[in-house]
N, C-alpha and C. Protein backbone atom coordinates (compact mmCIF):
# COMPACT_ATOMS: atom_id res chain seq x y z
N UNK A 1 17.27 24.68 -15.26
CA UNK A 1 16.32 23.83 -14.49
C UNK A 1 16.76 22.39 -14.52
N UNK A 2 17.10 21.87 -15.70
CA UNK A 2 17.52 20.43 -15.73
C UNK A 2 18.78 20.23 -14.95
N UNK A 3 19.66 21.23 -14.93
CA UNK A 3 20.90 21.05 -14.14
C UNK A 3 20.62 20.96 -12.63
N UNK A 4 19.65 21.76 -12.23
CA UNK A 4 19.18 21.70 -10.84
C UNK A 4 18.64 20.33 -10.45
N UNK A 5 17.84 19.76 -11.35
CA UNK A 5 17.30 18.45 -11.09
C UNK A 5 18.31 17.41 -11.05
N UNK A 6 19.31 17.47 -11.97
CA UNK A 6 20.39 16.48 -11.98
C UNK A 6 21.21 16.54 -10.66
N UNK A 7 21.41 17.77 -10.18
CA UNK A 7 22.14 18.01 -8.95
C UNK A 7 21.36 17.39 -7.82
N UNK A 8 20.05 17.59 -7.73
CA UNK A 8 19.27 17.03 -6.60
C UNK A 8 19.30 15.50 -6.69
N UNK A 9 19.16 14.91 -7.90
CA UNK A 9 19.19 13.46 -8.03
C UNK A 9 20.52 12.86 -7.72
N UNK A 10 21.61 13.63 -7.96
CA UNK A 10 22.93 13.06 -7.64
C UNK A 10 23.10 12.89 -6.13
N UNK A 11 22.34 13.68 -5.37
CA UNK A 11 22.40 13.58 -3.93
C UNK A 11 21.50 12.40 -3.38
N UNK A 12 20.63 11.91 -4.24
CA UNK A 12 19.74 10.80 -3.90
C UNK A 12 20.09 9.50 -4.46
N UNK A 13 21.24 8.97 -4.10
CA UNK A 13 21.64 7.72 -4.57
C UNK A 13 20.95 6.51 -4.12
N UNK A 14 20.40 6.64 -2.85
CA UNK A 14 19.67 5.56 -2.22
C UNK A 14 18.30 5.41 -2.92
N UNK A 15 17.98 4.25 -3.41
CA UNK A 15 16.68 4.01 -4.09
C UNK A 15 15.53 4.27 -3.20
N UNK A 16 15.62 3.88 -1.94
CA UNK A 16 14.46 4.07 -1.07
C UNK A 16 14.15 5.55 -0.81
N UNK A 17 15.21 6.34 -0.64
CA UNK A 17 15.05 7.79 -0.45
C UNK A 17 14.49 8.37 -1.73
N UNK A 18 14.95 8.00 -2.90
CA UNK A 18 14.47 8.53 -4.17
C UNK A 18 12.98 8.16 -4.36
N UNK A 19 12.64 6.93 -3.96
CA UNK A 19 11.25 6.53 -4.05
C UNK A 19 10.32 7.26 -3.14
N UNK A 20 10.76 7.56 -1.91
CA UNK A 20 9.96 8.39 -1.05
C UNK A 20 9.84 9.82 -1.49
N UNK A 21 10.94 10.34 -2.14
CA UNK A 21 10.84 11.69 -2.73
C UNK A 21 9.79 11.68 -3.87
N UNK A 22 9.81 10.61 -4.75
CA UNK A 22 8.87 10.55 -5.84
C UNK A 22 7.43 10.47 -5.32
N UNK A 23 7.24 9.72 -4.22
CA UNK A 23 5.87 9.64 -3.70
C UNK A 23 5.40 11.02 -3.17
N UNK A 24 6.30 11.84 -2.61
CA UNK A 24 5.94 13.24 -2.22
C UNK A 24 5.63 14.04 -3.43
N UNK A 25 6.43 13.90 -4.52
CA UNK A 25 6.16 14.64 -5.73
C UNK A 25 4.78 14.29 -6.32
N UNK A 26 4.44 12.98 -6.24
CA UNK A 26 3.15 12.55 -6.72
C UNK A 26 2.04 13.18 -5.85
N UNK A 27 2.16 13.12 -4.58
CA UNK A 27 1.12 13.63 -3.74
C UNK A 27 0.89 15.16 -4.07
N UNK A 28 1.96 15.88 -4.20
CA UNK A 28 1.86 17.33 -4.54
C UNK A 28 1.19 17.51 -5.89
N UNK A 29 1.56 16.78 -6.91
CA UNK A 29 0.98 16.86 -8.26
C UNK A 29 -0.49 16.46 -8.18
N UNK A 30 -0.82 15.42 -7.46
CA UNK A 30 -2.23 14.95 -7.40
C UNK A 30 -3.14 16.02 -6.77
N UNK A 31 -2.63 16.60 -5.69
CA UNK A 31 -3.42 17.66 -5.00
C UNK A 31 -3.57 18.85 -5.95
N UNK A 32 -2.54 19.19 -6.66
CA UNK A 32 -2.60 20.29 -7.71
C UNK A 32 -3.66 19.98 -8.80
N UNK A 33 -3.95 18.70 -9.05
CA UNK A 33 -4.95 18.29 -10.03
C UNK A 33 -6.27 18.08 -9.34
N UNK A 34 -6.49 18.41 -8.13
CA UNK A 34 -7.75 18.37 -7.45
C UNK A 34 -8.06 16.97 -6.90
N UNK A 35 -7.08 16.10 -6.70
CA UNK A 35 -7.30 14.80 -6.18
C UNK A 35 -6.93 14.77 -4.67
N UNK A 36 -7.61 13.84 -3.94
CA UNK A 36 -7.29 13.56 -2.56
C UNK A 36 -6.37 12.36 -2.53
N UNK A 37 -5.36 12.44 -1.69
CA UNK A 37 -4.30 11.34 -1.65
C UNK A 37 -4.15 10.90 -0.22
N UNK A 38 -4.03 9.64 0.02
CA UNK A 38 -3.72 9.07 1.39
C UNK A 38 -2.57 8.11 1.23
N UNK A 39 -1.71 8.12 2.30
CA UNK A 39 -0.56 7.22 2.35
C UNK A 39 -0.91 6.12 3.36
N UNK A 40 -0.92 4.91 2.92
CA UNK A 40 -1.16 3.81 3.91
C UNK A 40 -0.08 3.73 4.95
N UNK A 41 -0.37 3.24 6.14
CA UNK A 41 0.60 3.10 7.17
C UNK A 41 1.46 1.90 6.78
N UNK A 42 2.82 2.00 7.02
CA UNK A 42 3.69 0.87 6.76
C UNK A 42 4.20 0.86 5.30
N UNK A 43 4.96 -0.09 5.07
CA UNK A 43 5.66 -0.24 3.76
C UNK A 43 5.54 -1.67 3.19
N UNK A 44 4.47 -2.33 3.57
CA UNK A 44 4.39 -3.74 3.10
C UNK A 44 3.26 -3.95 2.13
N UNK A 45 2.60 -2.97 1.66
CA UNK A 45 1.57 -3.06 0.68
C UNK A 45 2.26 -3.14 -0.77
N UNK A 46 1.45 -3.61 -1.72
CA UNK A 46 1.93 -3.66 -3.06
C UNK A 46 1.72 -2.36 -3.83
N UNK A 47 1.21 -1.35 -3.10
CA UNK A 47 1.05 -0.06 -3.71
C UNK A 47 1.53 0.98 -2.69
N UNK A 48 1.79 2.23 -3.20
CA UNK A 48 2.36 3.27 -2.35
C UNK A 48 1.29 4.22 -1.81
N UNK A 49 0.34 4.58 -2.59
CA UNK A 49 -0.68 5.57 -2.21
C UNK A 49 -2.04 5.19 -2.65
N UNK A 50 -3.05 5.88 -2.05
CA UNK A 50 -4.41 5.68 -2.39
C UNK A 50 -4.97 7.01 -2.81
N UNK A 51 -5.66 7.11 -3.99
CA UNK A 51 -6.24 8.32 -4.49
C UNK A 51 -7.76 8.14 -4.61
N UNK A 52 -8.52 9.15 -4.26
CA UNK A 52 -9.91 9.02 -4.43
C UNK A 52 -10.77 9.71 -3.47
N UNK A 53 -12.01 9.24 -3.48
CA UNK A 53 -13.03 9.77 -2.62
C UNK A 53 -13.97 8.59 -2.21
N UNK A 54 -14.79 8.79 -1.19
CA UNK A 54 -15.70 7.66 -0.87
C UNK A 54 -16.49 7.12 -2.08
N UNK A 55 -16.46 5.82 -2.20
CA UNK A 55 -17.14 5.22 -3.29
C UNK A 55 -16.17 5.00 -4.50
N UNK A 56 -15.03 5.61 -4.49
CA UNK A 56 -14.07 5.40 -5.61
C UNK A 56 -12.64 5.67 -5.12
N UNK A 57 -11.95 4.58 -4.76
CA UNK A 57 -10.57 4.71 -4.40
C UNK A 57 -9.71 3.84 -5.29
N UNK A 58 -8.54 4.32 -5.64
CA UNK A 58 -7.64 3.53 -6.48
C UNK A 58 -6.30 3.49 -5.84
N UNK A 59 -5.60 2.32 -5.95
CA UNK A 59 -4.26 2.13 -5.46
C UNK A 59 -3.22 2.47 -6.45
N UNK A 60 -2.17 3.20 -6.06
CA UNK A 60 -1.23 3.70 -7.05
C UNK A 60 0.14 3.27 -6.59
N UNK A 61 0.87 2.70 -7.55
CA UNK A 61 2.33 2.37 -7.39
C UNK A 61 3.09 3.41 -8.05
N UNK A 62 3.97 4.09 -7.24
CA UNK A 62 4.86 5.20 -7.80
C UNK A 62 6.18 4.69 -8.18
N UNK A 63 6.64 5.12 -9.37
CA UNK A 63 8.01 4.78 -9.83
C UNK A 63 8.68 6.03 -10.24
N UNK A 64 9.96 6.13 -9.93
CA UNK A 64 10.83 7.28 -10.19
C UNK A 64 11.79 6.83 -11.28
N UNK A 65 11.86 7.47 -12.49
CA UNK A 65 12.65 7.04 -13.58
C UNK A 65 13.80 8.03 -13.85
N UNK A 66 14.96 7.55 -13.87
CA UNK A 66 16.16 8.38 -14.07
C UNK A 66 17.02 7.79 -15.15
N UNK A 67 16.72 6.60 -15.67
CA UNK A 67 17.57 5.92 -16.58
C UNK A 67 17.09 6.03 -18.01
N UNK A 68 17.94 6.39 -19.00
CA UNK A 68 17.52 6.42 -20.38
C UNK A 68 17.59 5.03 -21.03
N UNK A 69 16.98 4.88 -22.14
CA UNK A 69 17.06 3.60 -22.94
C UNK A 69 18.51 3.53 -23.45
N UNK A 70 18.84 2.32 -23.98
CA UNK A 70 20.25 2.14 -24.54
C UNK A 70 20.62 3.07 -25.60
N UNK A 71 19.62 3.37 -26.49
CA UNK A 71 19.91 4.36 -27.53
C UNK A 71 19.78 5.84 -27.14
N UNK A 72 19.44 6.06 -25.89
CA UNK A 72 19.36 7.46 -25.45
C UNK A 72 18.11 8.12 -25.71
N UNK A 73 17.19 7.51 -26.42
CA UNK A 73 15.88 8.09 -26.76
C UNK A 73 14.80 7.45 -25.94
N UNK A 74 14.35 8.11 -24.90
CA UNK A 74 13.33 7.55 -24.05
C UNK A 74 13.89 7.12 -22.73
N UNK A 75 13.05 6.54 -21.88
CA UNK A 75 13.42 6.11 -20.51
C UNK A 75 12.89 4.75 -20.25
N UNK A 76 13.57 4.05 -19.41
CA UNK A 76 13.20 2.66 -18.99
C UNK A 76 12.52 2.73 -17.64
N UNK A 77 11.30 2.19 -17.44
CA UNK A 77 10.59 2.10 -16.23
C UNK A 77 10.45 0.71 -15.79
N UNK A 78 10.97 0.31 -14.72
CA UNK A 78 10.87 -1.04 -14.23
C UNK A 78 9.41 -1.17 -13.71
N UNK A 79 8.85 -2.33 -14.06
CA UNK A 79 7.48 -2.62 -13.57
C UNK A 79 7.56 -3.80 -12.62
N UNK A 80 8.60 -3.91 -11.87
CA UNK A 80 8.89 -5.00 -10.89
C UNK A 80 9.13 -4.38 -9.55
N UNK A 81 9.12 -5.30 -8.54
CA UNK A 81 9.49 -4.90 -7.15
C UNK A 81 10.44 -5.93 -6.73
N UNK A 82 11.63 -5.53 -6.36
CA UNK A 82 12.73 -6.38 -5.89
C UNK A 82 12.86 -7.57 -6.86
N UNK A 83 13.02 -7.31 -8.15
CA UNK A 83 13.23 -8.19 -9.21
C UNK A 83 12.16 -9.33 -9.37
N UNK A 84 10.93 -8.94 -8.88
CA UNK A 84 9.77 -9.87 -9.09
C UNK A 84 8.66 -9.04 -9.73
N UNK A 85 7.94 -9.68 -10.63
CA UNK A 85 6.83 -8.94 -11.32
C UNK A 85 5.72 -8.82 -10.25
N UNK A 86 4.95 -7.72 -10.37
CA UNK A 86 3.78 -7.54 -9.54
C UNK A 86 2.73 -8.53 -9.97
N UNK A 87 1.98 -9.05 -8.98
CA UNK A 87 0.85 -9.94 -9.35
C UNK A 87 -0.33 -9.13 -9.82
N UNK A 88 -1.16 -9.63 -10.68
CA UNK A 88 -2.38 -8.84 -11.06
C UNK A 88 -3.21 -8.54 -9.86
N UNK A 89 -3.67 -7.32 -9.86
CA UNK A 89 -4.49 -6.84 -8.76
C UNK A 89 -3.65 -6.24 -7.60
N UNK A 90 -2.33 -6.08 -7.78
CA UNK A 90 -1.46 -5.50 -6.78
C UNK A 90 -1.71 -4.01 -6.57
N UNK A 91 -2.13 -3.34 -7.62
CA UNK A 91 -2.43 -1.87 -7.61
C UNK A 91 -3.32 -1.61 -8.83
N UNK A 92 -3.87 -0.42 -8.91
CA UNK A 92 -4.74 -0.09 -10.00
C UNK A 92 -4.05 0.77 -11.05
N UNK A 93 -3.11 1.65 -10.63
CA UNK A 93 -2.34 2.43 -11.61
C UNK A 93 -0.96 2.48 -11.24
N UNK A 94 -0.06 2.61 -12.23
CA UNK A 94 1.35 2.86 -12.09
C UNK A 94 1.48 4.37 -12.39
N UNK A 95 2.14 5.12 -11.48
CA UNK A 95 2.44 6.51 -11.73
C UNK A 95 3.96 6.65 -11.84
N UNK A 96 4.40 6.81 -13.14
CA UNK A 96 5.82 6.89 -13.44
C UNK A 96 6.22 8.32 -13.57
N UNK A 97 7.21 8.78 -12.77
CA UNK A 97 7.70 10.15 -12.80
C UNK A 97 9.07 10.14 -13.53
N UNK A 98 9.11 10.90 -14.60
CA UNK A 98 10.34 11.09 -15.36
C UNK A 98 11.05 12.26 -14.83
N UNK A 99 12.07 12.10 -14.06
CA UNK A 99 12.67 13.21 -13.31
C UNK A 99 13.25 14.22 -14.29
N UNK A 100 14.01 13.87 -15.31
CA UNK A 100 14.62 14.84 -16.23
C UNK A 100 13.63 15.58 -17.05
N UNK A 101 12.41 15.04 -17.33
CA UNK A 101 11.43 15.68 -18.01
C UNK A 101 10.38 16.41 -17.17
N UNK A 102 10.31 16.06 -15.92
CA UNK A 102 9.33 16.57 -14.95
C UNK A 102 7.94 16.39 -15.47
N UNK A 103 7.62 15.06 -15.82
CA UNK A 103 6.31 14.69 -16.34
C UNK A 103 5.92 13.36 -15.63
N UNK A 104 4.59 13.17 -15.56
CA UNK A 104 4.05 11.93 -14.99
C UNK A 104 3.28 11.15 -16.09
N UNK A 105 3.38 9.83 -15.99
CA UNK A 105 2.58 8.89 -16.78
C UNK A 105 1.72 8.16 -15.78
N UNK A 106 0.41 8.23 -15.97
CA UNK A 106 -0.57 7.51 -15.18
C UNK A 106 -1.12 6.34 -16.02
N UNK A 107 -0.62 5.14 -15.68
CA UNK A 107 -0.83 3.95 -16.56
C UNK A 107 -1.63 2.93 -15.86
N UNK A 108 -2.80 2.55 -16.39
CA UNK A 108 -3.60 1.43 -15.77
C UNK A 108 -2.77 0.17 -15.69
N UNK A 109 -3.00 -0.54 -14.59
CA UNK A 109 -2.22 -1.75 -14.30
C UNK A 109 -2.26 -2.80 -15.41
N UNK A 110 -3.47 -2.93 -16.05
CA UNK A 110 -3.68 -3.93 -17.05
C UNK A 110 -2.73 -3.72 -18.30
N UNK A 111 -2.28 -2.43 -18.40
CA UNK A 111 -1.38 -2.17 -19.58
C UNK A 111 0.06 -2.73 -19.34
N UNK A 112 0.37 -3.06 -18.14
CA UNK A 112 1.77 -3.48 -17.85
C UNK A 112 1.93 -4.92 -17.34
N UNK A 113 0.80 -5.61 -17.26
CA UNK A 113 0.79 -7.03 -16.73
C UNK A 113 1.80 -7.82 -17.58
N UNK A 114 2.56 -8.61 -16.84
CA UNK A 114 3.51 -9.56 -17.51
C UNK A 114 4.79 -8.90 -18.02
N UNK A 115 4.95 -7.65 -17.84
CA UNK A 115 6.06 -6.93 -18.34
C UNK A 115 7.11 -6.69 -17.23
N UNK A 116 8.37 -6.76 -17.53
CA UNK A 116 9.46 -6.47 -16.59
C UNK A 116 9.83 -4.98 -16.57
N UNK A 117 9.67 -4.32 -17.71
CA UNK A 117 9.93 -2.94 -17.82
C UNK A 117 9.21 -2.43 -19.09
N UNK A 118 9.00 -1.12 -19.11
CA UNK A 118 8.37 -0.47 -20.28
C UNK A 118 9.22 0.73 -20.60
N UNK A 119 9.07 1.19 -21.91
CA UNK A 119 9.83 2.31 -22.40
C UNK A 119 8.86 3.52 -22.49
N UNK A 120 9.26 4.68 -22.01
CA UNK A 120 8.51 5.85 -22.07
C UNK A 120 9.24 6.98 -22.78
N UNK A 121 8.45 7.85 -23.38
CA UNK A 121 8.99 9.02 -24.20
C UNK A 121 9.96 8.54 -25.29
N UNK A 122 9.62 7.52 -25.98
CA UNK A 122 10.51 6.97 -27.02
C UNK A 122 10.41 7.78 -28.31
N UNK A 123 9.42 8.61 -28.48
CA UNK A 123 9.29 9.40 -29.61
C UNK A 123 9.25 8.57 -30.98
N UNK A 124 8.72 7.42 -30.88
CA UNK A 124 8.58 6.60 -32.08
C UNK A 124 7.09 6.31 -32.32
N UNK A 125 6.73 5.95 -33.46
CA UNK A 125 5.28 5.75 -33.87
C UNK A 125 4.65 4.64 -33.13
N UNK A 126 5.41 3.69 -32.62
CA UNK A 126 4.83 2.54 -31.91
C UNK A 126 4.81 2.76 -30.38
N UNK A 127 5.02 3.95 -29.92
CA UNK A 127 5.02 4.23 -28.50
C UNK A 127 3.62 3.93 -27.93
N UNK A 128 3.49 3.02 -26.98
CA UNK A 128 2.22 2.58 -26.43
C UNK A 128 1.70 3.51 -25.35
N UNK A 129 2.57 4.15 -24.66
CA UNK A 129 2.17 4.75 -23.37
C UNK A 129 1.99 6.25 -23.44
N UNK A 130 2.24 6.89 -24.58
CA UNK A 130 2.13 8.37 -24.65
C UNK A 130 0.72 8.85 -24.33
N UNK A 131 -0.29 8.04 -24.55
CA UNK A 131 -1.68 8.47 -24.27
C UNK A 131 -1.88 8.56 -22.76
N UNK A 132 -0.94 8.05 -21.95
CA UNK A 132 -1.06 8.15 -20.51
C UNK A 132 -0.21 9.31 -19.93
N UNK A 133 0.41 10.03 -20.77
CA UNK A 133 1.22 11.20 -20.33
C UNK A 133 0.29 12.22 -19.65
N UNK A 134 0.57 12.49 -18.39
CA UNK A 134 -0.27 13.47 -17.57
C UNK A 134 -1.79 13.11 -17.62
N UNK A 135 -2.05 11.85 -17.53
CA UNK A 135 -3.46 11.31 -17.64
C UNK A 135 -4.06 11.31 -16.24
N UNK A 136 -4.05 12.40 -15.55
CA UNK A 136 -4.59 12.54 -14.19
C UNK A 136 -6.04 12.19 -14.13
N UNK A 137 -6.78 12.37 -15.19
CA UNK A 137 -8.22 12.20 -15.18
C UNK A 137 -8.60 10.73 -14.97
N UNK A 138 -7.66 9.85 -15.28
CA UNK A 138 -7.95 8.42 -15.11
C UNK A 138 -8.10 8.04 -13.59
N UNK A 139 -7.46 8.86 -12.73
CA UNK A 139 -7.57 8.56 -11.28
C UNK A 139 -8.93 9.03 -10.75
N UNK A 140 -9.69 9.91 -11.50
CA UNK A 140 -10.95 10.33 -11.09
C UNK A 140 -12.08 9.41 -11.58
N UNK A 141 -11.85 8.72 -12.65
CA UNK A 141 -12.90 7.90 -13.26
C UNK A 141 -12.85 6.49 -12.73
N UNK A 142 -13.99 5.97 -12.31
CA UNK A 142 -13.95 4.56 -12.00
C UNK A 142 -13.73 3.69 -13.23
N UNK A 143 -12.78 2.75 -13.05
CA UNK A 143 -12.46 1.80 -14.10
C UNK A 143 -13.20 0.48 -13.82
N UNK A 144 -14.24 0.22 -14.60
CA UNK A 144 -15.02 -0.97 -14.37
C UNK A 144 -15.29 -1.57 -15.72
N UNK A 145 -14.92 -2.84 -15.84
CA UNK A 145 -15.12 -3.51 -17.10
C UNK A 145 -15.64 -4.89 -16.84
N UNK A 146 -16.38 -5.05 -15.82
CA UNK A 146 -16.88 -6.36 -15.41
C UNK A 146 -18.41 -6.32 -15.29
N UNK A 147 -18.95 -7.43 -14.81
CA UNK A 147 -20.38 -7.50 -14.52
C UNK A 147 -20.56 -7.47 -13.03
N UNK A 148 -21.73 -6.88 -12.64
CA UNK A 148 -22.06 -6.95 -11.21
C UNK A 148 -22.98 -8.16 -11.11
N UNK A 149 -22.68 -9.00 -10.16
CA UNK A 149 -23.48 -10.15 -9.95
C UNK A 149 -24.04 -10.12 -8.49
N UNK A 150 -25.26 -10.51 -8.35
CA UNK A 150 -25.86 -10.46 -7.05
C UNK A 150 -26.73 -11.64 -6.85
N UNK A 151 -27.07 -11.98 -5.64
CA UNK A 151 -27.92 -13.05 -5.29
C UNK A 151 -28.92 -12.61 -4.24
N UNK A 152 -30.13 -12.86 -4.40
CA UNK A 152 -31.12 -12.54 -3.37
C UNK A 152 -31.96 -13.72 -3.12
N UNK A 153 -32.35 -13.93 -1.79
CA UNK A 153 -33.21 -15.03 -1.44
C UNK A 153 -34.58 -14.53 -1.18
N UNK A 154 -35.58 -15.27 -1.67
CA UNK A 154 -36.94 -14.76 -1.43
C UNK A 154 -37.46 -15.44 -0.12
N UNK A 155 -38.23 -14.69 0.67
CA UNK A 155 -38.84 -15.20 1.85
C UNK A 155 -40.34 -15.09 1.63
N UNK A 156 -41.09 -16.12 2.09
CA UNK A 156 -42.56 -16.06 2.00
C UNK A 156 -43.12 -14.99 2.87
N UNK A 157 -44.17 -14.30 2.43
CA UNK A 157 -44.83 -13.27 3.22
C UNK A 157 -45.65 -13.90 4.33
N UNK A 158 -45.76 -13.19 5.42
CA UNK A 158 -46.56 -13.69 6.51
C UNK A 158 -48.07 -13.59 6.07
N UNK A 159 -48.91 -14.38 6.64
CA UNK A 159 -50.31 -14.28 6.32
C UNK A 159 -50.88 -12.88 6.63
N UNK A 160 -51.58 -12.34 5.68
CA UNK A 160 -52.17 -11.02 5.90
C UNK A 160 -51.25 -9.86 5.68
N UNK A 161 -50.05 -9.98 5.23
CA UNK A 161 -49.24 -8.90 5.00
C UNK A 161 -48.08 -9.25 4.10
N UNK A 162 -47.20 -8.27 3.96
CA UNK A 162 -46.03 -8.42 3.06
C UNK A 162 -44.81 -9.13 3.73
N UNK A 163 -44.97 -9.42 5.08
CA UNK A 163 -43.91 -10.09 5.71
C UNK A 163 -43.03 -9.13 6.50
N UNK A 164 -43.05 -7.83 6.19
CA UNK A 164 -42.07 -6.96 6.82
C UNK A 164 -42.74 -6.23 8.02
N UNK A 165 -44.01 -5.85 7.88
CA UNK A 165 -44.68 -5.18 8.98
C UNK A 165 -44.83 -6.04 10.21
N UNK A 166 -45.00 -7.32 10.02
CA UNK A 166 -45.27 -8.17 11.16
C UNK A 166 -43.95 -8.74 11.73
N UNK A 167 -42.84 -8.43 11.17
CA UNK A 167 -41.59 -9.06 11.61
C UNK A 167 -41.21 -8.44 12.97
N UNK A 168 -40.98 -9.31 13.98
CA UNK A 168 -40.73 -8.80 15.37
C UNK A 168 -39.33 -9.14 15.77
N UNK A 169 -38.53 -9.69 14.96
CA UNK A 169 -37.14 -10.05 15.31
C UNK A 169 -37.14 -11.39 15.92
N UNK A 170 -38.20 -12.15 15.98
CA UNK A 170 -38.23 -13.50 16.59
C UNK A 170 -37.22 -14.47 15.92
N UNK A 171 -36.95 -14.26 14.70
CA UNK A 171 -36.07 -15.20 14.02
C UNK A 171 -34.73 -14.46 13.60
N UNK A 172 -34.36 -13.47 14.34
CA UNK A 172 -33.17 -12.68 14.03
C UNK A 172 -31.95 -13.54 14.24
N UNK A 173 -31.14 -13.96 13.25
CA UNK A 173 -29.96 -14.78 13.45
C UNK A 173 -28.84 -14.04 14.20
N UNK A 174 -28.92 -12.73 14.33
CA UNK A 174 -27.84 -11.98 14.95
C UNK A 174 -28.09 -11.68 16.40
N UNK A 175 -29.11 -12.19 17.04
CA UNK A 175 -29.31 -12.02 18.43
C UNK A 175 -29.06 -13.30 19.19
N UNK A 176 -28.78 -13.20 20.43
CA UNK A 176 -28.48 -14.44 21.25
C UNK A 176 -29.76 -14.88 21.95
N UNK A 177 -30.80 -14.04 21.93
CA UNK A 177 -32.04 -14.36 22.52
C UNK A 177 -33.09 -14.48 21.42
N UNK A 178 -34.06 -15.44 21.52
CA UNK A 178 -35.19 -15.44 20.58
C UNK A 178 -36.42 -15.43 21.48
N UNK A 179 -37.47 -14.93 20.88
CA UNK A 179 -38.71 -14.79 21.66
C UNK A 179 -39.61 -16.00 21.38
N UNK A 180 -40.24 -16.59 22.39
CA UNK A 180 -41.25 -17.60 22.23
C UNK A 180 -42.36 -17.27 23.14
N UNK A 181 -43.51 -17.00 22.59
CA UNK A 181 -44.72 -16.64 23.35
C UNK A 181 -44.47 -15.47 24.24
N UNK A 182 -43.68 -14.47 23.69
CA UNK A 182 -43.46 -13.21 24.46
C UNK A 182 -42.41 -13.29 25.49
N UNK A 183 -41.86 -14.50 25.80
CA UNK A 183 -40.80 -14.60 26.86
C UNK A 183 -39.50 -14.87 26.19
N UNK A 184 -38.35 -14.21 26.73
CA UNK A 184 -37.07 -14.51 26.18
C UNK A 184 -36.62 -15.91 26.57
N UNK A 185 -35.91 -16.62 25.69
CA UNK A 185 -35.34 -17.91 25.96
C UNK A 185 -33.99 -17.74 26.63
N UNK A 186 -33.65 -18.60 27.52
CA UNK A 186 -32.34 -18.55 28.17
C UNK A 186 -31.41 -19.44 27.39
N UNK A 187 -30.27 -18.84 27.07
CA UNK A 187 -29.32 -19.59 26.27
C UNK A 187 -28.06 -19.84 27.09
């Protein structure tokens, strides 16, 4: 099996073709895990795919890893695009596919901020990313760690009511006509 994968990868020397192949592999794996996947039109976004359902969508940046670390234990995953670091908020998750192992890492963006590359499958005690190995469940769960802030303006009630029943649209800011004594005003 590994020999077959190496043969396929040797035919994909072009980085762009390899990236497109990895995106297709991700889409297939995501669907197998019960997730819905969409591909945005064009190639100018800071993410490759969108996963989710109405009310919860996440942007995913897909990476295809074929290079081992210098000592041969583990793999190096670039967390850059065209030799530039991604800006915070560029995507929600990094999906790193290790070709030779046929495994995925689903890593929240906040875990890789400010890094040029990360090491995966290092088999050492300090390995940070093993908890994200095949962590498809993260794409289903909303990740929210902030506060919801809202502002509401109070309006005085009309005499004799709560203000809503008597509202006739006379002060509707979204219309081009307003009523005055039952006659439309010419604007």
